[in-house]
Amino acid sequence: MWTCQWPLSSARYTGRGLLFLCAGERSAQAQSPRAALEPRTGHWKGPFGIYTHDGKQVDSLSAEHRYRWKNSVQVGTQVDRSPDGRIVRKTARNYVTDEGRLICEVDEPGGPALTYRGQVSDGVITWHRTTDAGVVESFRERVVDTPTGPEYRIDGFGIYPSEDGTRSYLHFVGRYRAVHQDVSTGRE
């Protein structure tokens, strides 16, 4: 929780505006990377949309993700269904290195493994990867409580270079609902 001091005796004019003196006070303990992964454990389904910078939708998927723990690694399976009937199955491994770094490895059929590095802030994981070819991806993942149950949310962007030197700038949004087997817990 941030608190800012007011009245003007605790603000200073900088010549361009007022500078407020703010003191940060954490309302909760810092969350460990493993604890940040835990809310995703379970079975999730929902839409995933891909948009241009001006909001035009360029692709959509129906996504299904399952995550479970195998020792100290959260393993996942992801199934993406395109409107044209194409299905892509992926596997994922999320873990914390001995140095405390959060890592996500995604294996796609016919392609190289993708490796993302993660940061945790206030229960939100921000994943990022940059390649030598100029691909940049960054996205936030979190599970939030809603009036209709938990929702796994993904919001991000990507920069994708083409062979002709141009770049595509895309935003993506995922909203997945828990697949219920036990309504007392809200998730599998």
N, C-alpha and C. Protein backbone atom coordinates (compact mmCIF):
# COMPACT_ATOMS: atom_id res chain seq x y z
N MET A 1 0.85 -1.17 0.00
CA MET A 1 0.00 0.00 0.00
C MET A 1 0.89 1.22 0.00
N TRP A 2 0.63 2.16 -0.88
CA TRP A 2 1.39 3.40 -0.95
C TRP A 2 0.61 4.50 -0.27
N THR A 3 1.32 5.31 0.50
CA THR A 3 0.67 6.45 1.12
C THR A 3 1.43 7.70 0.71
N CYS A 4 0.72 8.72 0.33
CA CYS A 4 1.35 9.98 -0.06
C CYS A 4 0.96 11.04 0.94
N GLN A 5 1.92 11.87 1.25
CA GLN A 5 1.71 12.92 2.24
C GLN A 5 1.11 14.16 1.60
N TRP A 6 0.17 14.76 2.23
CA TRP A 6 -0.45 16.00 1.81
C TRP A 6 -0.82 16.72 3.07
N PRO A 7 -0.76 17.93 3.32
CA PRO A 7 -0.86 19.07 2.45
C PRO A 7 0.49 19.50 1.87
N LEU A 8 0.50 20.73 1.34
CA LEU A 8 1.65 21.23 0.62
C LEU A 8 2.93 21.22 1.42
N SER A 9 2.88 21.22 2.74
CA SER A 9 4.10 21.22 3.52
C SER A 9 4.93 19.96 3.25
N SER A 10 4.31 18.91 2.73
CA SER A 10 5.08 17.69 2.43
C SER A 10 5.23 17.49 0.92
N ALA A 11 4.89 18.52 0.16
CA ALA A 11 5.10 18.47 -1.28
C ALA A 11 6.09 19.56 -1.64
N ARG A 12 6.79 19.36 -2.74
CA ARG A 12 7.79 20.34 -3.13
C ARG A 12 7.57 20.70 -4.59
N TYR A 13 7.61 21.97 -4.88
CA TYR A 13 7.47 22.40 -6.26
C TYR A 13 8.81 22.24 -6.95
N THR A 14 8.82 21.56 -8.10
CA THR A 14 10.08 21.28 -8.80
C THR A 14 10.29 22.19 -10.00
N GLY A 15 9.40 23.14 -10.22
CA GLY A 15 9.52 24.00 -11.39
C GLY A 15 8.66 23.50 -12.53
N ARG A 16 8.31 22.22 -12.52
CA ARG A 16 7.45 21.64 -13.54
C ARG A 16 6.15 21.11 -12.95
N GLY A 17 6.13 20.94 -11.68
CA GLY A 17 4.95 20.39 -11.02
C GLY A 17 5.28 20.10 -9.57
N LEU A 18 4.36 19.51 -8.89
CA LEU A 18 4.56 19.19 -7.50
C LEU A 18 5.19 17.81 -7.36
N LEU A 19 6.12 17.69 -6.46
CA LEU A 19 6.73 16.41 -6.14
C LEU A 19 6.18 15.99 -4.79
N PHE A 20 5.45 14.89 -4.76
CA PHE A 20 4.88 14.40 -3.51
C PHE A 20 5.83 13.41 -2.89
N LEU A 21 5.96 13.46 -1.59
CA LEU A 21 6.79 12.50 -0.88
C LEU A 21 5.92 11.30 -0.56
N CYS A 22 6.28 10.16 -1.10
CA CYS A 22 5.50 8.94 -0.91
C CYS A 22 6.35 7.91 -0.20
N ALA A 23 5.73 7.23 0.71
CA ALA A 23 6.41 6.15 1.42
C ALA A 23 5.73 4.85 1.08
N GLY A 24 6.51 3.88 0.68
CA GLY A 24 5.93 2.58 0.32
C GLY A 24 5.87 1.67 1.53
N GLU A 25 4.76 1.00 1.68
CA GLU A 25 4.58 0.05 2.76
C GLU A 25 3.94 -1.18 2.16
N ARG A 26 4.61 -2.32 2.21
CA ARG A 26 4.08 -3.53 1.60
C ARG A 26 2.95 -4.06 2.46
N SER A 27 1.83 -4.36 1.82
CA SER A 27 0.69 -4.87 2.56
C SER A 27 0.82 -6.38 2.79
N ALA A 28 1.73 -7.02 2.06
CA ALA A 28 1.92 -8.45 2.22
C ALA A 28 3.40 -8.77 2.02
N GLN A 29 3.80 -9.93 2.50
CA GLN A 29 5.16 -10.39 2.31
C GLN A 29 5.42 -10.59 0.82
N ALA A 30 6.66 -10.46 0.40
CA ALA A 30 7.01 -10.74 -0.99
C ALA A 30 6.71 -12.19 -1.28
N GLN A 31 6.15 -12.46 -2.45
CA GLN A 31 5.74 -13.81 -2.81
C GLN A 31 6.88 -14.53 -3.51
N SER A 32 7.10 -15.77 -3.13
CA SER A 32 8.14 -16.56 -3.78
C SER A 32 7.70 -16.91 -5.19
N PRO A 33 8.66 -17.15 -6.10
CA PRO A 33 8.29 -17.55 -7.45
C PRO A 33 7.42 -18.82 -7.48
N ARG A 34 7.74 -19.81 -6.66
CA ARG A 34 6.94 -21.03 -6.66
C ARG A 34 5.51 -20.74 -6.19
N ALA A 35 5.36 -19.92 -5.17
CA ALA A 35 4.03 -19.57 -4.69
C ALA A 35 3.23 -18.82 -5.76
N ALA A 36 3.92 -18.03 -6.59
CA ALA A 36 3.23 -17.32 -7.67
C ALA A 36 2.72 -18.27 -8.74
N LEU A 37 3.41 -19.40 -8.93
CA LEU A 37 2.97 -20.40 -9.91
C LEU A 37 1.77 -21.20 -9.42
N GLU A 38 1.65 -21.38 -8.14
CA GLU A 38 0.64 -22.28 -7.55
C GLU A 38 -0.80 -22.02 -8.00
N PRO A 39 -1.28 -20.77 -8.08
CA PRO A 39 -2.68 -20.55 -8.46
C PRO A 39 -3.04 -21.10 -9.85
N ARG A 40 -2.05 -21.28 -10.71
CA ARG A 40 -2.34 -21.81 -12.06
C ARG A 40 -2.52 -23.32 -12.07
N THR A 41 -2.14 -23.99 -10.99
CA THR A 41 -2.28 -25.44 -10.94
C THR A 41 -3.75 -25.80 -11.14
N GLY A 42 -4.02 -26.68 -12.10
CA GLY A 42 -5.39 -27.09 -12.40
C GLY A 42 -5.64 -27.14 -13.89
N HIS A 43 -6.91 -27.08 -14.25
CA HIS A 43 -7.37 -27.24 -15.63
C HIS A 43 -8.13 -25.98 -16.03
N TRP A 44 -7.73 -25.34 -17.13
CA TRP A 44 -8.27 -24.06 -17.55
C TRP A 44 -8.66 -24.10 -19.02
N LYS A 45 -9.73 -23.40 -19.38
CA LYS A 45 -10.16 -23.27 -20.77
C LYS A 45 -10.64 -21.86 -21.02
N GLY A 46 -10.39 -21.37 -22.25
CA GLY A 46 -10.91 -20.06 -22.59
C GLY A 46 -10.35 -19.50 -23.87
N PRO A 47 -10.78 -18.29 -24.23
CA PRO A 47 -10.34 -17.66 -25.47
C PRO A 47 -8.98 -16.98 -25.32
N PHE A 48 -8.25 -16.96 -26.43
CA PHE A 48 -6.97 -16.26 -26.53
C PHE A 48 -7.03 -15.46 -27.83
N GLY A 49 -6.91 -14.15 -27.74
CA GLY A 49 -7.00 -13.29 -28.92
C GLY A 49 -5.69 -12.59 -29.20
N ILE A 50 -5.42 -12.36 -30.48
CA ILE A 50 -4.21 -11.67 -30.92
C ILE A 50 -4.65 -10.45 -31.73
N TYR A 51 -4.08 -9.27 -31.40
CA TYR A 51 -4.54 -8.00 -31.95
C TYR A 51 -3.38 -7.16 -32.45
N THR A 52 -3.64 -6.33 -33.45
CA THR A 52 -2.65 -5.35 -33.90
C THR A 52 -2.63 -4.20 -32.90
N HIS A 53 -1.68 -3.29 -33.08
CA HIS A 53 -1.55 -2.15 -32.15
C HIS A 53 -2.78 -1.26 -32.15
N ASP A 54 -3.56 -1.28 -33.24
CA ASP A 54 -4.76 -0.43 -33.29
C ASP A 54 -6.04 -1.19 -32.94
N GLY A 55 -5.90 -2.41 -32.41
CA GLY A 55 -7.06 -3.15 -31.90
C GLY A 55 -7.72 -4.10 -32.86
N LYS A 56 -7.21 -4.24 -34.08
CA LYS A 56 -7.81 -5.18 -35.04
C LYS A 56 -7.41 -6.60 -34.66
N GLN A 57 -8.41 -7.47 -34.52
CA GLN A 57 -8.12 -8.86 -34.17
C GLN A 57 -7.59 -9.59 -35.40
N VAL A 58 -6.42 -10.23 -35.25
CA VAL A 58 -5.81 -10.94 -36.37
C VAL A 58 -5.85 -12.45 -36.20
N ASP A 59 -6.12 -12.93 -35.00
CA ASP A 59 -6.23 -14.37 -34.77
C ASP A 59 -6.94 -14.60 -33.45
N SER A 60 -7.52 -15.78 -33.33
CA SER A 60 -8.14 -16.17 -32.08
C SER A 60 -7.98 -17.67 -31.92
N LEU A 61 -7.91 -18.09 -30.70
CA LEU A 61 -7.75 -19.50 -30.37
C LEU A 61 -8.69 -19.85 -29.24
N SER A 62 -9.03 -21.12 -29.16
CA SER A 62 -9.68 -21.65 -27.98
C SER A 62 -8.58 -22.44 -27.28
N ALA A 63 -8.21 -22.02 -26.09
CA ALA A 63 -7.07 -22.60 -25.39
C ALA A 63 -7.52 -23.48 -24.23
N GLU A 64 -6.74 -24.51 -23.99
CA GLU A 64 -6.95 -25.39 -22.84
C GLU A 64 -5.58 -25.65 -22.22
N HIS A 65 -5.44 -25.32 -20.95
CA HIS A 65 -4.18 -25.50 -20.23
C HIS A 65 -4.42 -26.36 -19.00
N ARG A 66 -3.50 -27.28 -18.75
CA ARG A 66 -3.51 -28.08 -17.53
C ARG A 66 -2.13 -27.98 -16.89
N TYR A 67 -2.10 -27.69 -15.60
CA TYR A 67 -0.85 -27.59 -14.87
C TYR A 67 -0.93 -28.46 -13.62
N ARG A 68 0.17 -29.16 -13.34
CA ARG A 68 0.29 -29.97 -12.12
C ARG A 68 1.76 -29.94 -11.70
N TRP A 69 1.99 -30.33 -10.45
CA TRP A 69 3.36 -30.36 -9.94
C TRP A 69 3.93 -31.75 -10.07
N LYS A 70 5.16 -31.83 -10.53
CA LYS A 70 5.94 -33.06 -10.55
C LYS A 70 7.24 -32.71 -9.83
N ASN A 71 7.30 -33.10 -8.56
CA ASN A 71 8.40 -32.69 -7.67
C ASN A 71 8.44 -31.17 -7.62
N SER A 72 9.56 -30.55 -7.98
CA SER A 72 9.67 -29.09 -7.87
C SER A 72 9.39 -28.38 -9.19
N VAL A 73 8.84 -29.11 -10.18
CA VAL A 73 8.56 -28.52 -11.49
C VAL A 73 7.05 -28.53 -11.74
N GLN A 74 6.53 -27.39 -12.16
CA GLN A 74 5.13 -27.34 -12.58
C GLN A 74 5.11 -27.70 -14.08
N VAL A 75 4.49 -28.82 -14.39
CA VAL A 75 4.43 -29.27 -15.78
C VAL A 75 3.05 -28.94 -16.34
N GLY A 76 3.04 -28.61 -17.61
CA GLY A 76 1.78 -28.21 -18.23
C GLY A 76 1.62 -28.80 -19.61
N THR A 77 0.37 -28.94 -19.99
CA THR A 77 0.03 -29.26 -21.36
C THR A 77 -0.89 -28.16 -21.85
N GLN A 78 -0.68 -27.74 -23.07
CA GLN A 78 -1.47 -26.67 -23.66
C GLN A 78 -1.99 -27.15 -25.00
N VAL A 79 -3.28 -26.97 -25.23
CA VAL A 79 -3.89 -27.33 -26.50
C VAL A 79 -4.58 -26.09 -27.03
N ASP A 80 -4.13 -25.63 -28.21
CA ASP A 80 -4.70 -24.45 -28.86
C ASP A 80 -5.48 -24.90 -30.09
N ARG A 81 -6.75 -24.48 -30.17
CA ARG A 81 -7.61 -24.82 -31.30
C ARG A 81 -7.94 -23.55 -32.07
N SER A 82 -7.60 -23.53 -33.35
CA SER A 82 -7.88 -22.39 -34.22
C SER A 82 -9.27 -22.54 -34.83
N PRO A 83 -9.89 -21.43 -35.22
CA PRO A 83 -11.22 -21.51 -35.86
C PRO A 83 -11.22 -22.37 -37.13
N ASP A 84 -10.06 -22.50 -37.80
CA ASP A 84 -9.99 -23.31 -39.02
C ASP A 84 -9.83 -24.81 -38.73
N GLY A 85 -9.84 -25.18 -37.45
CA GLY A 85 -9.75 -26.59 -37.07
C GLY A 85 -8.35 -27.07 -36.73
N ARG A 86 -7.36 -26.24 -36.96
CA ARG A 86 -5.97 -26.62 -36.64
C ARG A 86 -5.81 -26.73 -35.13
N ILE A 87 -5.10 -27.78 -34.69
CA ILE A 87 -4.85 -28.00 -33.26
C ILE A 87 -3.35 -28.07 -33.03
N VAL A 88 -2.86 -27.32 -32.06
CA VAL A 88 -1.44 -27.33 -31.69
C VAL A 88 -1.34 -27.73 -30.23
N ARG A 89 -0.55 -28.77 -29.96
CA ARG A 89 -0.32 -29.23 -28.60
C ARG A 89 1.10 -28.87 -28.19
N LYS A 90 1.23 -28.34 -26.98
CA LYS A 90 2.53 -27.92 -26.45
C LYS A 90 2.67 -28.48 -25.04
N THR A 91 3.90 -28.57 -24.59
CA THR A 91 4.17 -28.90 -23.20
C THR A 91 4.97 -27.76 -22.59
N ALA A 92 4.83 -27.60 -21.29
CA ALA A 92 5.53 -26.52 -20.60
C ALA A 92 6.11 -27.04 -19.30
N ARG A 93 7.20 -26.42 -18.91
CA ARG A 93 7.84 -26.69 -17.61
C ARG A 93 8.15 -25.36 -16.96
N ASN A 94 7.63 -25.16 -15.76
CA ASN A 94 7.90 -23.94 -14.99
C ASN A 94 8.65 -24.35 -13.73
N TYR A 95 9.74 -23.64 -13.45
CA TYR A 95 10.53 -24.00 -12.28
C TYR A 95 11.37 -22.81 -11.82
N VAL A 96 11.93 -22.95 -10.64
CA VAL A 96 12.79 -21.94 -10.06
C VAL A 96 14.20 -22.53 -10.02
N THR A 97 15.17 -21.80 -10.58
CA THR A 97 16.56 -22.28 -10.58
C THR A 97 17.15 -22.19 -9.18
N ASP A 98 18.31 -22.79 -9.00
CA ASP A 98 18.99 -22.71 -7.70
C ASP A 98 19.33 -21.27 -7.33
N GLU A 99 19.46 -20.41 -8.33
CA GLU A 99 19.74 -18.99 -8.08
C GLU A 99 18.48 -18.18 -7.81
N GLY A 100 17.31 -18.84 -7.83
CA GLY A 100 16.06 -18.16 -7.56
C GLY A 100 15.39 -17.55 -8.77
N ARG A 101 15.87 -17.87 -9.99
CA ARG A 101 15.26 -17.34 -11.21
C ARG A 101 14.07 -18.20 -11.62
N LEU A 102 13.02 -17.55 -12.07
CA LEU A 102 11.81 -18.22 -12.53
C LEU A 102 11.94 -18.46 -14.04
N ILE A 103 11.75 -19.72 -14.46
CA ILE A 103 11.94 -20.11 -15.86
C ILE A 103 10.69 -20.84 -16.35
N CYS A 104 10.31 -20.56 -17.60
CA CYS A 104 9.24 -21.28 -18.29
C CYS A 104 9.81 -21.77 -19.62
N GLU A 105 9.74 -23.08 -19.84
CA GLU A 105 10.18 -23.67 -21.10
C GLU A 105 8.96 -24.27 -21.79
N VAL A 106 8.73 -23.86 -23.04
CA VAL A 106 7.59 -24.33 -23.80
C VAL A 106 8.11 -25.07 -25.03
N ASP A 107 7.67 -26.32 -25.20
CA ASP A 107 8.04 -27.12 -26.36
C ASP A 107 6.86 -27.16 -27.32
N GLU A 108 7.11 -26.68 -28.54
CA GLU A 108 6.10 -26.73 -29.58
C GLU A 108 6.53 -27.77 -30.61
N PRO A 109 5.60 -28.51 -31.18
CA PRO A 109 5.99 -29.50 -32.18
C PRO A 109 6.62 -28.83 -33.40
N GLY A 110 7.73 -29.40 -33.85
CA GLY A 110 8.38 -28.89 -35.05
C GLY A 110 9.14 -27.60 -34.88
N GLY A 111 9.32 -27.16 -33.68
CA GLY A 111 10.04 -25.90 -33.47
C GLY A 111 10.98 -26.01 -32.29
N PRO A 112 11.83 -25.02 -32.13
CA PRO A 112 12.74 -25.04 -30.98
C PRO A 112 11.97 -24.74 -29.69
N ALA A 113 12.52 -25.18 -28.58
CA ALA A 113 11.92 -24.86 -27.28
C ALA A 113 12.04 -23.35 -27.05
N LEU A 114 11.00 -22.78 -26.49
CA LEU A 114 11.00 -21.36 -26.14
C LEU A 114 11.28 -21.24 -24.66
N THR A 115 12.17 -20.34 -24.28
CA THR A 115 12.50 -20.15 -22.87
C THR A 115 12.19 -18.72 -22.47
N TYR A 116 11.38 -18.59 -21.42
CA TYR A 116 11.00 -17.30 -20.87
C TYR A 116 11.59 -17.17 -19.47
N ARG A 117 11.95 -15.96 -19.11
CA ARG A 117 12.40 -15.66 -17.75
C ARG A 117 11.28 -14.88 -17.08
N GLY A 118 11.06 -15.16 -15.80
CA GLY A 118 9.94 -14.53 -15.11
C GLY A 118 10.35 -13.69 -13.93
N GLN A 119 9.51 -12.72 -13.63
CA GLN A 119 9.62 -11.87 -12.44
C GLN A 119 8.27 -11.90 -11.74
N VAL A 120 8.29 -11.85 -10.42
CA VAL A 120 7.05 -11.86 -9.65
C VAL A 120 6.90 -10.52 -8.93
N SER A 121 5.72 -9.92 -9.06
CA SER A 121 5.42 -8.69 -8.35
C SER A 121 3.95 -8.71 -7.98
N ASP A 122 3.66 -8.65 -6.69
CA ASP A 122 2.28 -8.62 -6.19
C ASP A 122 1.42 -9.74 -6.76
N GLY A 123 1.98 -10.95 -6.81
CA GLY A 123 1.23 -12.12 -7.26
C GLY A 123 1.09 -12.25 -8.76
N VAL A 124 1.70 -11.33 -9.51
CA VAL A 124 1.65 -11.36 -10.97
C VAL A 124 3.01 -11.81 -11.49
N ILE A 125 2.99 -12.75 -12.43
CA ILE A 125 4.23 -13.17 -13.07
C ILE A 125 4.33 -12.44 -14.40
N THR A 126 5.45 -11.79 -14.64
CA THR A 126 5.74 -11.20 -15.93
C THR A 126 6.83 -12.04 -16.59
N TRP A 127 6.48 -12.63 -17.73
CA TRP A 127 7.40 -13.47 -18.50
C TRP A 127 7.98 -12.65 -19.64
N HIS A 128 9.23 -12.94 -20.01
CA HIS A 128 9.88 -12.19 -21.09
C HIS A 128 10.88 -13.08 -21.80
N ARG A 129 10.97 -12.88 -23.12
CA ARG A 129 12.05 -13.50 -23.89
C ARG A 129 12.43 -12.59 -25.04
N THR A 130 13.71 -12.62 -25.39
CA THR A 130 14.25 -11.90 -26.53
C THR A 130 15.16 -12.88 -27.27
N THR A 131 15.04 -12.92 -28.60
CA THR A 131 15.88 -13.83 -29.38
C THR A 131 16.90 -13.04 -30.20
N ASP A 132 17.92 -13.76 -30.67
CA ASP A 132 18.92 -13.15 -31.54
C ASP A 132 18.29 -12.67 -32.85
N ALA A 133 17.19 -13.30 -33.28
CA ALA A 133 16.51 -12.92 -34.52
C ALA A 133 15.66 -11.66 -34.35
N GLY A 134 15.56 -11.14 -33.12
CA GLY A 134 14.81 -9.91 -32.90
C GLY A 134 13.40 -10.07 -32.37
N VAL A 135 13.00 -11.31 -32.05
CA VAL A 135 11.68 -11.52 -31.45
C VAL A 135 11.73 -11.05 -30.00
N VAL A 136 10.72 -10.31 -29.60
CA VAL A 136 10.58 -9.87 -28.22
C VAL A 136 9.15 -10.22 -27.79
N GLU A 137 9.02 -10.90 -26.67
CA GLU A 137 7.70 -11.19 -26.11
C GLU A 137 7.72 -10.89 -24.62
N SER A 138 6.65 -10.30 -24.14
CA SER A 138 6.51 -10.03 -22.72
C SER A 138 5.03 -10.12 -22.38
N PHE A 139 4.72 -10.85 -21.31
CA PHE A 139 3.31 -10.97 -20.92
C PHE A 139 3.18 -11.19 -19.43
N ARG A 140 2.03 -10.75 -18.93
CA ARG A 140 1.69 -10.87 -17.51
C ARG A 140 0.68 -12.00 -17.34
N GLU A 141 0.89 -12.82 -16.33
CA GLU A 141 -0.06 -13.89 -16.00
C GLU A 141 -0.45 -13.76 -14.54
N ARG A 142 -1.75 -13.96 -14.31
CA ARG A 142 -2.23 -13.95 -12.93
C ARG A 142 -3.57 -14.65 -12.88
N VAL A 143 -3.92 -15.12 -11.70
CA VAL A 143 -5.23 -15.71 -11.46
C VAL A 143 -5.95 -14.76 -10.52
N VAL A 144 -7.14 -14.33 -10.94
CA VAL A 144 -7.92 -13.38 -10.14
C VAL A 144 -9.26 -14.01 -9.77
N ASP A 145 -9.77 -13.62 -8.63
CA ASP A 145 -11.11 -14.05 -8.24
C ASP A 145 -12.12 -13.11 -8.88
N THR A 146 -13.15 -13.70 -9.48
CA THR A 146 -14.24 -12.92 -10.07
C THR A 146 -15.54 -13.42 -9.46
N PRO A 147 -16.64 -12.71 -9.64
CA PRO A 147 -17.92 -13.17 -9.09
C PRO A 147 -18.34 -14.55 -9.62
N THR A 148 -17.83 -14.94 -10.79
CA THR A 148 -18.20 -16.25 -11.35
C THR A 148 -17.11 -17.30 -11.15
N GLY A 149 -16.10 -17.00 -10.33
CA GLY A 149 -15.03 -17.95 -10.05
C GLY A 149 -13.68 -17.46 -10.52
N PRO A 150 -12.64 -18.25 -10.28
CA PRO A 150 -11.29 -17.82 -10.65
C PRO A 150 -11.12 -17.69 -12.16
N GLU A 151 -10.31 -16.71 -12.56
CA GLU A 151 -10.01 -16.50 -13.97
C GLU A 151 -8.50 -16.35 -14.12
N TYR A 152 -7.92 -17.11 -15.03
CA TYR A 152 -6.50 -17.07 -15.35
C TYR A 152 -6.35 -16.09 -16.50
N ARG A 153 -5.65 -14.99 -16.27
CA ARG A 153 -5.56 -13.91 -17.26
C ARG A 153 -4.13 -13.78 -17.79
N ILE A 154 -4.05 -13.57 -19.09
CA ILE A 154 -2.78 -13.33 -19.77
C ILE A 154 -2.94 -12.05 -20.59
N ASP A 155 -2.02 -11.12 -20.43
CA ASP A 155 -1.99 -9.88 -21.21
C ASP A 155 -0.55 -9.63 -21.62
N GLY A 156 -0.31 -9.42 -22.92
CA GLY A 156 1.06 -9.22 -23.34
C GLY A 156 1.20 -8.61 -24.71
N PHE A 157 2.45 -8.59 -25.17
CA PHE A 157 2.75 -8.06 -26.49
C PHE A 157 3.93 -8.81 -27.07
N GLY A 158 4.06 -8.72 -28.38
CA GLY A 158 5.19 -9.33 -29.06
C GLY A 158 5.62 -8.48 -30.23
N ILE A 159 6.91 -8.54 -30.53
CA ILE A 159 7.49 -7.90 -31.71
C ILE A 159 8.09 -9.02 -32.53
N TYR A 160 7.65 -9.14 -33.80
CA TYR A 160 8.05 -10.25 -34.64
C TYR A 160 8.61 -9.73 -35.96
N PRO A 161 9.92 -9.89 -36.19
CA PRO A 161 10.51 -9.43 -37.44
C PRO A 161 10.18 -10.37 -38.60
N SER A 162 10.08 -9.80 -39.80
CA SER A 162 9.86 -10.58 -41.02
C SER A 162 11.16 -10.64 -41.80
N GLU A 163 11.21 -11.53 -42.78
CA GLU A 163 12.41 -11.67 -43.61
C GLU A 163 12.70 -10.40 -44.40
N ASP A 164 11.66 -9.61 -44.72
CA ASP A 164 11.86 -8.39 -45.51
C ASP A 164 12.28 -7.19 -44.64
N GLY A 165 12.48 -7.42 -43.35
CA GLY A 165 12.94 -6.36 -42.46
C GLY A 165 11.84 -5.62 -41.72
N THR A 166 10.59 -5.85 -42.09
CA THR A 166 9.49 -5.21 -41.37
C THR A 166 9.26 -5.95 -40.06
N ARG A 167 8.48 -5.34 -39.19
CA ARG A 167 8.16 -5.95 -37.90
C ARG A 167 6.66 -5.90 -37.67
N SER A 168 6.13 -6.94 -37.05
CA SER A 168 4.74 -6.95 -36.59
C SER A 168 4.75 -6.70 -35.10
N TYR A 169 3.85 -5.83 -34.67
CA TYR A 169 3.68 -5.52 -33.25
C TYR A 169 2.31 -6.02 -32.85
N LEU A 170 2.26 -7.01 -31.97
CA LEU A 170 0.99 -7.63 -31.62
C LEU A 170 0.75 -7.62 -30.12
N HIS A 171 -0.51 -7.49 -29.76
CA HIS A 171 -0.95 -7.63 -28.37
C HIS A 171 -1.73 -8.93 -28.27
N PHE A 172 -1.67 -9.56 -27.10
CA PHE A 172 -2.48 -10.76 -26.93
C PHE A 172 -3.12 -10.78 -25.55
N VAL A 173 -4.32 -11.41 -25.55
CA VAL A 173 -5.15 -11.44 -24.35
C VAL A 173 -5.74 -12.84 -24.20
N GLY A 174 -5.55 -13.44 -23.04
CA GLY A 174 -6.16 -14.72 -22.73
C GLY A 174 -7.01 -14.60 -21.49
N ARG A 175 -8.18 -15.22 -21.50
CA ARG A 175 -9.08 -15.24 -20.34
C ARG A 175 -9.60 -16.65 -20.18
N TYR A 176 -9.05 -17.38 -19.21
CA TYR A 176 -9.38 -18.79 -19.04
C TYR A 176 -10.14 -19.00 -17.74
N ARG A 177 -11.12 -19.85 -17.80
CA ARG A 177 -11.92 -20.22 -16.63
C ARG A 177 -11.49 -21.59 -16.14
N ALA A 178 -11.56 -21.79 -14.85
CA ALA A 178 -11.25 -23.09 -14.27
C ALA A 178 -12.30 -24.11 -14.72
N VAL A 179 -11.85 -25.30 -15.08
CA VAL A 179 -12.74 -26.40 -15.40
C VAL A 179 -13.02 -27.10 -14.08
N HIS A 180 -14.27 -27.11 -13.69
CA HIS A 180 -14.63 -27.58 -12.35
C HIS A 180 -14.90 -29.08 -12.30
N GLN A 181 -14.31 -29.72 -11.31
CA GLN A 181 -14.70 -31.07 -10.95
C GLN A 181 -15.18 -31.07 -9.51
N ASP A 182 -14.57 -30.21 -8.71
CA ASP A 182 -14.93 -30.10 -7.31
C ASP A 182 -15.31 -28.66 -7.05
N VAL A 183 -16.60 -28.36 -7.00
CA VAL A 183 -17.04 -26.99 -6.84
C VAL A 183 -16.67 -26.40 -5.49
N SER A 184 -16.33 -27.22 -4.51
CA SER A 184 -15.96 -26.69 -3.20
C SER A 184 -14.61 -25.97 -3.28
N THR A 185 -13.73 -26.37 -4.21
CA THR A 185 -12.44 -25.70 -4.34
C THR A 185 -12.40 -24.79 -5.54
N GLY A 186 -13.34 -24.92 -6.46
CA GLY A 186 -13.38 -24.06 -7.62
C GLY A 186 -12.49 -24.53 -8.74
N ARG A 187 -11.65 -25.56 -8.52
CA ARG A 187 -10.75 -26.06 -9.56
C ARG A 187 -10.57 -27.56 -9.36
N GLU A 188 -9.95 -28.19 -10.36
CA GLU A 188 -9.64 -29.62 -10.24
C GLU A 188 -8.71 -29.85 -9.10
